[in-house]
Amino acid sequence: MVCLDWRVPIELIAAVATFGFITSVTPGPNNTILFATSVNYGLRNSMPFLFGIMLGLAVILSAIGLGLGAVFITFPAAFQVLKYLGFAYILYLSYSIIRSGYKPIASDTKLFGLFEASFFQFVNPKVWVVMPSFMASFIPIGATPLVTATLIVVFLVFTFPGALAWALFGEVLKTFMANPKKRRIFNWFAGLLLVASMVPVVFF
């Protein structure tokens, strides 16, 4: 599909919106951390992480639109390095989730915030697999900057509610997980799930 003007076909907008929502609602590292944050510290304290995800993805998608994705094509070893650095950071995040289960819950604390969430997108191998594929599949050849920006905004707008659903689900379970023993079990499960979610991306 070639798109040389500012108009965006409604069918393309619908396809991008559907892809964004489905991508965000399916299990993955971002949703696991978001869910764990909400269970441990509540919906309000999970919002910085959610907005950090959106900010990080917006910057990455813009960078890919400007040609950053070509770096991984030209230098495939760069992606391999990123994968293992990202996996190391995921191990750290997993440890942080597990460790939080042994700490008292304070209403004014959060597990991860805006900066951590934004930084995580840059070292999350899954993001660098999905986002270039999204740009290649849904951004028309020869698209103007306005068209590209419009489709990125549509993607992010429909990604938000899918991710928010995980935070809301965590808030629902927060009271049930108030028991320290249950919370420790949950955090062990969430931490191990976070690592397991990245194994196929990193090693296969």
C-alpha atoms as a PDB file:
ATOM      1  CA  MET A   1       0.000   0.000   0.000  1.00  0.00           C
ATOM      2  CA  VAL A   2       1.311   3.420  -0.991  1.00  0.00           C
ATOM      3  CA  CYS A   3       0.158   6.530   0.858  1.00  0.00           C
ATOM      4  CA  LEU A   4       1.587   9.820  -0.370  1.00  0.00           C
ATOM      5  CA  ASP A   5      -0.900  12.279   1.148  1.00  0.00           C
ATOM      6  CA  TRP A   6      -2.315  13.045   4.585  1.00  0.00           C
ATOM      7  CA  ARG A   7      -5.430  10.878   4.305  1.00  0.00           C
ATOM      8  CA  VAL A   8      -5.481   7.567   6.185  1.00  0.00           C
ATOM      9  CA  PRO A   9      -7.933   4.849   5.041  1.00  0.00           C
ATOM     10  CA  ILE A  10     -10.436   3.977   7.760  1.00  0.00           C
ATOM     11  CA  GLU A  11      -9.710   0.291   7.165  1.00  0.00           C
ATOM     12  CA  LEU A  12      -6.058   0.863   8.027  1.00  0.00           C
ATOM     13  CA  ILE A  13      -6.956   2.787  11.172  1.00  0.00           C
ATOM     14  CA  ALA A  14      -9.236  -0.066  12.240  1.00  0.00           C
ATOM     15  CA  ALA A  15      -6.499  -2.632  11.578  1.00  0.00           C
ATOM     16  CA  VAL A  16      -3.945  -0.652  13.598  1.00  0.00           C
ATOM     17  CA  ALA A  17      -6.426  -0.169  16.453  1.00  0.00           C
ATOM     18  CA  THR A  18      -7.193  -3.898  16.544  1.00  0.00           C
ATOM     19  CA  PHE A  19      -3.512  -4.840  16.458  1.00  0.00           C
ATOM     20  CA  GLY A  20      -2.701  -2.365  19.224  1.00  0.00           C
ATOM     21  CA  PHE A  21      -5.418  -3.653  21.527  1.00  0.00           C
ATOM     22  CA  ILE A  22      -4.680  -7.342  20.945  1.00  0.00           C
ATOM     23  CA  THR A  23      -0.956  -6.783  21.439  1.00  0.00           C
ATOM     24  CA  SER A  24      -1.532  -4.968  24.716  1.00  0.00           C
ATOM     25  CA  VAL A  25      -4.086  -7.330  26.220  1.00  0.00           C
ATOM     26  CA  THR A  26      -2.095 -10.523  25.691  1.00  0.00           C
ATOM     27  CA  PRO A  27       0.350 -11.657  28.418  1.00  0.00           C
ATOM     28  CA  GLY A  28       3.897 -10.295  28.278  1.00  0.00           C
ATOM     29  CA  PRO A  29       6.617  -8.665  30.380  1.00  0.00           C
ATOM     30  CA  ASN A  30       4.963  -5.236  30.535  1.00  0.00           C
ATOM     31  CA  ASN A  31       1.614  -6.654  31.610  1.00  0.00           C
ATOM     32  CA  THR A  32       3.192  -8.966  34.169  1.00  0.00           C
ATOM     33  CA  ILE A  33       5.011  -6.068  35.852  1.00  0.00           C
ATOM     34  CA  LEU A  34       1.949  -3.831  35.607  1.00  0.00           C
ATOM     35  CA  PHE A  35      -0.230  -6.526  37.158  1.00  0.00           C
ATOM     36  CA  ALA A  36       2.263  -7.195  39.953  1.00  0.00           C
ATOM     37  CA  THR A  37       2.587  -3.483  40.706  1.00  0.00           C
ATOM     38  CA  SER A  38      -1.176  -3.088  40.992  1.00  0.00           C
ATOM     39  CA  VAL A  39      -1.570  -6.179  43.195  1.00  0.00           C
ATOM     40  CA  ASN A  40       1.173  -4.997  45.546  1.00  0.00           C
ATOM     41  CA  TYR A  41       0.588  -1.252  45.633  1.00  0.00           C
ATOM     42  CA  GLY A  42      -2.772  -0.566  44.017  1.00  0.00           C
ATOM     43  CA  LEU A  43      -4.051   0.927  40.789  1.00  0.00           C
ATOM     44  CA  ARG A  44      -2.916   4.488  41.480  1.00  0.00           C
ATOM     45  CA  ASN A  45       0.690   3.457  42.080  1.00  0.00           C
ATOM     46  CA  SER A  46       0.717   1.360  38.906  1.00  0.00           C
ATOM     47  CA  MET A  47      -0.178   4.338  36.710  1.00  0.00           C
ATOM     48  CA  PRO A  48       3.406   5.700  36.451  1.00  0.00           C
ATOM     49  CA  PHE A  49       4.503   2.355  35.036  1.00  0.00           C
ATOM     50  CA  LEU A  50       1.611   2.333  32.557  1.00  0.00           C
ATOM     51  CA  PHE A  51       2.376   5.857  31.335  1.00  0.00           C
ATOM     52  CA  GLY A  52       6.060   4.934  31.186  1.00  0.00           C
ATOM     53  CA  ILE A  53       5.195   2.085  28.825  1.00  0.00           C
ATOM     54  CA  MET A  54       3.316   4.488  26.562  1.00  0.00           C
ATOM     55  CA  LEU A  55       6.160   7.017  26.623  1.00  0.00           C
ATOM     56  CA  GLY A  56       8.819   4.420  25.853  1.00  0.00           C
ATOM     57  CA  LEU A  57       6.804   2.911  22.993  1.00  0.00           C
ATOM     58  CA  ALA A  58       6.096   6.359  21.526  1.00  0.00           C
ATOM     59  CA  VAL A  59       9.809   7.185  21.427  1.00  0.00           C
ATOM     60  CA  ILE A  60      10.754   3.788  20.000  1.00  0.00           C
ATOM     61  CA  LEU A  61       8.087   3.864  17.284  1.00  0.00           C
ATOM     62  CA  SER A  62       9.135   7.389  16.320  1.00  0.00           C
ATOM     63  CA  ALA A  63      12.780   6.303  16.189  1.00  0.00           C
ATOM     64  CA  ILE A  64      11.923   3.316  13.985  1.00  0.00           C
ATOM     65  CA  GLY A  65       9.961   5.630  11.702  1.00  0.00           C
ATOM     66  CA  LEU A  66      13.100   7.746  11.386  1.00  0.00           C
ATOM     67  CA  GLY A  67      15.166   4.712  10.397  1.00  0.00           C
ATOM     68  CA  LEU A  68      16.493   3.214  13.631  1.00  0.00           C
ATOM     69  CA  GLY A  69      15.069  -0.192  12.724  1.00  0.00           C
ATOM     70  CA  ALA A  70      17.575  -0.382   9.871  1.00  0.00           C
ATOM     71  CA  VAL A  71      20.367  -0.597  12.440  1.00  0.00           C
ATOM     72  CA  PHE A  72      19.290  -4.116  13.429  1.00  0.00           C
ATOM     73  CA  ILE A  73      19.143  -5.130   9.757  1.00  0.00           C
ATOM     74  CA  THR A  74      22.595  -3.737   9.050  1.00  0.00           C
ATOM     75  CA  PHE A  75      24.110  -4.928  12.332  1.00  0.00           C
ATOM     76  CA  PRO A  76      22.194  -8.059  13.451  1.00  0.00           C
ATOM     77  CA  ALA A  77      24.714  -8.599  16.250  1.00  0.00           C
ATOM     78  CA  ALA A  78      23.363  -5.419  17.889  1.00  0.00           C
ATOM     79  CA  PHE A  79      20.024  -7.125  18.406  1.00  0.00           C
ATOM     80  CA  GLN A  80      21.715 -10.156  19.942  1.00  0.00           C
ATOM     81  CA  VAL A  81      23.515  -7.915  22.432  1.00  0.00           C
ATOM     82  CA  LEU A  82      20.244  -6.118  23.205  1.00  0.00           C
ATOM     83  CA  LYS A  83      18.480  -9.426  23.822  1.00  0.00           C
ATOM     84  CA  TYR A  84      20.911 -10.550  26.487  1.00  0.00           C
ATOM     85  CA  LEU A  85      21.169  -7.133  28.123  1.00  0.00           C
ATOM     86  CA  GLY A  86      17.391  -7.000  28.206  1.00  0.00           C
ATOM     87  CA  PHE A  87      17.151 -10.475  29.685  1.00  0.00           C
ATOM     88  CA  ALA A  88      19.634  -9.519  32.403  1.00  0.00           C
ATOM     89  CA  TYR A  89      17.474  -6.511  33.266  1.00  0.00           C
ATOM     90  CA  ILE A  90      14.382  -8.712  33.305  1.00  0.00           C
ATOM     91  CA  LEU A  91      16.107 -10.981  35.833  1.00  0.00           C
ATOM     92  CA  TYR A  92      16.684  -7.906  37.999  1.00  0.00           C
ATOM     93  CA  LEU A  93      13.031  -6.849  37.671  1.00  0.00           C
ATOM     94  CA  SER A  94      11.929 -10.379  38.534  1.00  0.00           C
ATOM     95  CA  TYR A  95      14.096 -10.324  41.652  1.00  0.00           C
ATOM     96  CA  SER A  96      12.609  -6.932  42.605  1.00  0.00           C
ATOM     97  CA  ILE A  97       9.068  -8.311  42.313  1.00  0.00           C
ATOM     98  CA  ILE A  98       9.888 -11.360  44.446  1.00  0.00           C
ATOM     99  CA  ARG A  99      11.703  -9.249  47.032  1.00  0.00           C
ATOM    100  CA  SER A 100       8.758  -6.848  47.335  1.00  0.00           C
ATOM    101  CA  GLY A 101       6.660  -9.712  48.675  1.00  0.00           C
ATOM    102  CA  TYR A 102       8.774  -9.685  51.828  1.00  0.00           C
ATOM    103  CA  LYS A 103       8.308  -5.965  52.466  1.00  0.00           C
ATOM    104  CA  PRO A 104       5.349  -4.278  54.176  1.00  0.00           C
ATOM    105  CA  ILE A 105       2.927  -2.535  51.834  1.00  0.00           C
ATOM    106  CA  ALA A 106       3.070   1.248  52.089  1.00  0.00           C
ATOM    107  CA  SER A 107       0.410   3.364  50.411  1.00  0.00           C
ATOM    108  CA  ASP A 108       2.920   5.912  49.139  1.00  0.00           C
ATOM    109  CA  THR A 109       5.327   3.474  47.474  1.00  0.00           C
ATOM    110  CA  LYS A 110       5.405   1.814  44.075  1.00  0.00           C
ATOM    111  CA  LEU A 111       7.245  -1.140  42.610  1.00  0.00           C
ATOM    112  CA  PHE A 112       8.352   0.557  39.384  1.00  0.00           C
ATOM    113  CA  GLY A 113       7.783   4.061  38.070  1.00  0.00           C
ATOM    114  CA  LEU A 114       7.734   6.169  34.924  1.00  0.00           C
ATOM    115  CA  PHE A 115      11.498   6.161  34.352  1.00  0.00           C
ATOM    116  CA  GLU A 116      11.895   2.432  34.931  1.00  0.00           C
ATOM    117  CA  ALA A 117       9.011   1.629  32.598  1.00  0.00           C
ATOM    118  CA  SER A 118      10.294   3.911  29.833  1.00  0.00           C
ATOM    119  CA  PHE A 119      13.837   2.528  30.128  1.00  0.00           C
ATOM    120  CA  PHE A 120      12.531  -1.036  30.149  1.00  0.00           C
ATOM    121  CA  GLN A 121      10.986  -0.575  26.691  1.00  0.00           C
ATOM    122  CA  PHE A 122      14.440   0.125  25.240  1.00  0.00           C
ATOM    123  CA  VAL A 123      15.927  -3.118  26.582  1.00  0.00           C
ATOM    124  CA  ASN A 124      12.809  -5.260  26.186  1.00  0.00           C
ATOM    125  CA  PRO A 125      13.625  -7.682  23.329  1.00  0.00           C
ATOM    126  CA  LYS A 126       9.937  -8.349  22.736  1.00  0.00           C
ATOM    127  CA  VAL A 127       9.379  -4.663  21.949  1.00  0.00           C
ATOM    128  CA  TRP A 128      12.146  -4.754  19.333  1.00  0.00           C
ATOM    129  CA  VAL A 129      10.533  -7.810  17.749  1.00  0.00           C
ATOM    130  CA  VAL A 130       6.957  -6.493  17.661  1.00  0.00           C
ATOM    131  CA  MET A 131       7.430  -2.773  16.989  1.00  0.00           C
ATOM    132  CA  PRO A 132       9.517  -3.009  13.783  1.00  0.00           C
ATOM    133  CA  SER A 133       7.038  -5.631  12.523  1.00  0.00           C
ATOM    134  CA  PHE A 134       4.184  -3.247  13.267  1.00  0.00           C
ATOM    135  CA  MET A 135       5.862  -0.390  11.419  1.00  0.00           C
ATOM    136  CA  ALA A 136       6.695  -2.565   8.419  1.00  0.00           C
ATOM    137  CA  SER A 137       3.208  -4.093   8.233  1.00  0.00           C
ATOM    138  CA  PHE A 138       0.964  -1.110   8.905  1.00  0.00           C
ATOM    139  CA  ILE A 139       2.812   2.045   7.851  1.00  0.00           C
ATOM    140  CA  PRO A 140       2.218   2.512   4.104  1.00  0.00           C
ATOM    141  CA  ILE A 141       5.154   2.861   1.756  1.00  0.00           C
ATOM    142  CA  GLY A 142       5.906   6.520   1.179  1.00  0.00           C
ATOM    143  CA  ALA A 143       3.676   7.606   4.068  1.00  0.00           C
ATOM    144  CA  THR A 144       3.992  11.241   5.041  1.00  0.00           C
ATOM    145  CA  PRO A 145       5.167  12.106   8.564  1.00  0.00           C
ATOM    146  CA  LEU A 146       1.590  13.100   9.423  1.00  0.00           C
ATOM    147  CA  VAL A 147       0.210   9.720   8.351  1.00  0.00           C
ATOM    148  CA  THR A 148       2.959   7.885  10.237  1.00  0.00           C
ATOM    149  CA  ALA A 149       2.355   9.960  13.378  1.00  0.00           C
ATOM    150  CA  THR A 150      -1.414   9.424  13.109  1.00  0.00           C
ATOM    151  CA  LEU A 151      -1.057   5.646  12.948  1.00  0.00           C
ATOM    152  CA  ILE A 152       1.414   5.620  15.847  1.00  0.00           C
ATOM    153  CA  VAL A 153      -1.062   7.635  17.936  1.00  0.00           C
ATOM    154  CA  VAL A 154      -3.891   5.251  17.007  1.00  0.00           C
ATOM    155  CA  PHE A 155      -1.723   2.292  18.025  1.00  0.00           C
ATOM    156  CA  LEU A 156      -0.862   3.847  21.392  1.00  0.00           C
ATOM    157  CA  VAL A 157      -4.432   4.966  22.114  1.00  0.00           C
ATOM    158  CA  PHE A 158      -5.737   1.428  21.642  1.00  0.00           C
ATOM    159  CA  THR A 159      -2.783  -0.118  23.453  1.00  0.00           C
ATOM    160  CA  PHE A 160      -3.587   1.850  26.582  1.00  0.00           C
ATOM    161  CA  PRO A 161      -6.935   0.201  27.525  1.00  0.00           C
ATOM    162  CA  GLY A 162      -5.542  -3.304  27.051  1.00  0.00           C
ATOM    163  CA  ALA A 163      -2.672  -2.582  29.426  1.00  0.00           C
ATOM    164  CA  LEU A 164      -4.983  -0.732  31.807  1.00  0.00           C
ATOM    165  CA  ALA A 165      -7.122  -3.869  32.080  1.00  0.00           C
ATOM    166  CA  TRP A 166      -4.176  -5.683  33.686  1.00  0.00           C
ATOM    167  CA  ALA A 167      -3.763  -2.919  36.245  1.00  0.00           C
ATOM    168  CA  LEU A 168      -7.497  -2.985  37.004  1.00  0.00           C
ATOM    169  CA  PHE A 169      -7.378  -6.752  37.432  1.00  0.00           C
ATOM    170  CA  GLY A 170      -4.488  -6.321  39.851  1.00  0.00           C
ATOM    171  CA  GLU A 171      -6.505  -3.782  41.838  1.00  0.00           C
ATOM    172  CA  VAL A 172      -9.368  -6.288  42.095  1.00  0.00           C
ATOM    173  CA  LEU A 173      -7.024  -8.903  43.544  1.00  0.00           C
ATOM    174  CA  LYS A 174      -5.204  -6.487  45.858  1.00  0.00           C
ATOM    175  CA  THR A 175      -7.480  -7.093  48.840  1.00  0.00           C
ATOM    176  CA  PHE A 176      -7.316 -10.862  48.404  1.00  0.00           C
ATOM    177  CA  MET A 177      -3.507 -10.671  48.274  1.00  0.00           C
ATOM    178  CA  ALA A 178      -3.250  -8.515  51.404  1.00  0.00           C
ATOM    179  CA  ASN A 179      -2.322 -11.615  53.400  1.00  0.00           C
ATOM    180  CA  PRO A 180       1.525 -11.615  53.515  1.00  0.00           C
ATOM    181  CA  LYS A 181       1.810 -15.320  52.705  1.00  0.00           C
ATOM    182  CA  LYS A 182      -0.496 -15.061  49.686  1.00  0.00           C
ATOM    183  CA  ARG A 183       1.353 -11.958  48.497  1.00  0.00           C
ATOM    184  CA  ARG A 184       4.728 -13.719  48.711  1.00  0.00           C
ATOM    185  CA  ILE A 185       3.371 -16.682  46.735  1.00  0.00           C
ATOM    186  CA  PHE A 186       1.894 -14.354  44.128  1.00  0.00           C
ATOM    187  CA  ASN A 187       5.124 -12.371  43.771  1.00  0.00           C
ATOM    188  CA  TRP A 188       7.170 -15.532  43.331  1.00  0.00           C
ATOM    189  CA  PHE A 189       4.711 -16.623  40.644  1.00  0.00           C
ATOM    190  CA  ALA A 190       4.766 -13.202  38.927  1.00  0.00           C
ATOM    191  CA  GLY A 191       8.569 -12.975  39.066  1.00  0.00           C
ATOM    192  CA  LEU A 192       9.057 -16.429  37.561  1.00  0.00           C
ATOM    193  CA  LEU A 193       6.351 -15.742  34.953  1.00  0.00           C
ATOM    194  CA  LEU A 194       8.183 -12.579  33.929  1.00  0.00           C
ATOM    195  CA  VAL A 195      11.360 -14.560  33.264  1.00  0.00           C
ATOM    196  CA  ALA A 196       9.459 -17.361  31.493  1.00  0.00           C
ATOM    197  CA  SER A 197       7.705 -14.883  29.191  1.00  0.00           C
ATOM    198  CA  MET A 198      11.069 -13.775  27.781  1.00  0.00           C
ATOM    199  CA  VAL A 199      12.732 -17.181  27.368  1.00  0.00           C
ATOM    200  CA  PRO A 200      11.190 -17.892  23.921  1.00  0.00           C
ATOM    201  CA  VAL A 201      12.168 -14.434  22.648  1.00  0.00           C
ATOM    202  CA  VAL A 202      15.763 -14.623  23.899  1.00  0.00           C
ATOM    203  CA  PHE A 203      16.716 -18.252  23.373  1.00  0.00           C
ATOM    204  CA  PHE A 204      14.565 -19.463  20.461  1.00  0.00           C
END
